[in-house]
């Protein structure tokens, strides 16, 4: 549970920006790009889907 809570805290309080954008999303690719910077302005449409999936799993987890 501590790991799950820590991950959700990060996603909901750091990655989700006050303006509704989801930041810290790594671009699509099969390998990391050396020197690539991922910050609060790094976003991609698939990141929102991953966030919603994590939120639905957190909802299910807390319901048990």
C-alpha atoms as a PDB file:
ATOM      1  CA  UNK A   1       0.000   0.000   0.000  1.00  0.00           C
ATOM      2  CA  UNK A   2       2.767   2.589   0.699  1.00  0.00           C
ATOM      3  CA  UNK A   3       4.073   2.257  -2.858  1.00  0.00           C
ATOM      4  CA  UNK A   4       0.604   2.558  -4.369  1.00  0.00           C
ATOM      5  CA  UNK A   5      -0.139   5.623  -2.256  1.00  0.00           C
ATOM      6  CA  UNK A   6       3.179   7.256  -3.135  1.00  0.00           C
ATOM      7  CA  UNK A   7       2.634   6.653  -6.866  1.00  0.00           C
ATOM      8  CA  UNK A   8      -0.905   8.042  -6.790  1.00  0.00           C
ATOM      9  CA  UNK A   9       0.234  11.112  -4.826  1.00  0.00           C
ATOM     10  CA  UNK A  10       2.808  11.846  -7.524  1.00  0.00           C
ATOM     11  CA  UNK A  11       0.382  11.321 -10.395  1.00  0.00           C
ATOM     12  CA  UNK A  12      -2.424  13.375  -8.890  1.00  0.00           C
ATOM     13  CA  UNK A  13      -0.375  16.188  -7.332  1.00  0.00           C
ATOM     14  CA  UNK A  14       2.751  16.541  -9.500  1.00  0.00           C
ATOM     15  CA  UNK A  15       1.989  15.153 -12.949  1.00  0.00           C
ATOM     16  CA  UNK A  16      -1.549  16.570 -13.117  1.00  0.00           C
ATOM     17  CA  UNK A  17      -1.089  20.315 -13.556  1.00  0.00           C
ATOM     18  CA  UNK A  18      -3.441  22.984 -12.102  1.00  0.00           C
ATOM     19  CA  UNK A  19      -4.523  23.870 -15.662  1.00  0.00           C
ATOM     20  CA  UNK A  20      -5.611  20.262 -16.302  1.00  0.00           C
ATOM     21  CA  UNK A  21      -2.656  19.221 -18.456  1.00  0.00           C
ATOM     22  CA  UNK A  22      -0.827  16.027 -17.609  1.00  0.00           C
ATOM     23  CA  UNK A  23       2.935  16.572 -17.563  1.00  0.00           C
ATOM     24  CA  UNK A  24       5.990  14.362 -17.196  1.00  0.00           C
ATOM     25  CA  UNK A  25       4.868  12.090 -20.060  1.00  0.00           C
ATOM     26  CA  UNK A  26       7.765  10.451 -21.885  1.00  0.00           C
ATOM     27  CA  UNK A  27       7.428  10.594 -25.701  1.00  0.00           C
ATOM     28  CA  UNK A  28       6.614   7.473 -27.694  1.00  0.00           C
ATOM     29  CA  UNK A  29       9.690   5.412 -28.491  1.00  0.00           C
ATOM     30  CA  UNK A  30      11.287   2.094 -27.817  1.00  0.00           C
ATOM     31  CA  UNK A  31      14.389   3.525 -26.122  1.00  0.00           C
ATOM     32  CA  UNK A  32      15.316   6.495 -24.007  1.00  0.00           C
ATOM     33  CA  UNK A  33      16.913   9.405 -25.818  1.00  0.00           C
ATOM     34  CA  UNK A  34      20.163  10.527 -24.118  1.00  0.00           C
ATOM     35  CA  UNK A  35      19.823  14.040 -22.734  1.00  0.00           C
ATOM     36  CA  UNK A  36      16.066  14.105 -23.197  1.00  0.00           C
ATOM     37  CA  UNK A  37      14.285  16.319 -20.684  1.00  0.00           C
ATOM     38  CA  UNK A  38      10.878  15.280 -19.381  1.00  0.00           C
ATOM     39  CA  UNK A  39       9.180  17.947 -17.293  1.00  0.00           C
ATOM     40  CA  UNK A  40       5.764  19.400 -16.476  1.00  0.00           C
ATOM     41  CA  UNK A  41       5.453  20.616 -20.086  1.00  0.00           C
ATOM     42  CA  UNK A  42       6.071  17.152 -21.559  1.00  0.00           C
ATOM     43  CA  UNK A  43       2.711  15.754 -22.558  1.00  0.00           C
ATOM     44  CA  UNK A  44       1.154  13.366 -25.069  1.00  0.00           C
ATOM     45  CA  UNK A  45      -2.397  12.131 -25.702  1.00  0.00           C
ATOM     46  CA  UNK A  46      -1.602   8.569 -24.583  1.00  0.00           C
ATOM     47  CA  UNK A  47      -0.504   9.929 -21.178  1.00  0.00           C
ATOM     48  CA  UNK A  48      -4.086  10.906 -20.397  1.00  0.00           C
ATOM     49  CA  UNK A  49      -5.249   7.354 -21.128  1.00  0.00           C
ATOM     50  CA  UNK A  50      -2.571   5.932 -18.845  1.00  0.00           C
ATOM     51  CA  UNK A  51      -3.568   8.390 -16.113  1.00  0.00           C
ATOM     52  CA  UNK A  52      -7.257   7.435 -16.420  1.00  0.00           C
ATOM     53  CA  UNK A  53      -6.365   3.745 -16.293  1.00  0.00           C
ATOM     54  CA  UNK A  54      -4.323   4.316 -13.135  1.00  0.00           C
ATOM     55  CA  UNK A  55      -7.199   6.315 -11.627  1.00  0.00           C
ATOM     56  CA  UNK A  56      -9.726   3.570 -12.358  1.00  0.00           C
ATOM     57  CA  UNK A  57      -7.422   0.961 -10.809  1.00  0.00           C
ATOM     58  CA  UNK A  58      -6.918   3.161  -7.741  1.00  0.00           C
ATOM     59  CA  UNK A  59     -10.701   3.505  -7.438  1.00  0.00           C
ATOM     60  CA  UNK A  60     -11.105  -0.275  -7.617  1.00  0.00           C
ATOM     61  CA  UNK A  61      -8.237  -0.813  -5.163  1.00  0.00           C
ATOM     62  CA  UNK A  62      -9.701   1.539  -2.573  1.00  0.00           C
ATOM     63  CA  UNK A  63     -13.142  -0.033  -2.948  1.00  0.00           C
ATOM     64  CA  UNK A  64     -11.909  -3.372  -1.617  1.00  0.00           C
END
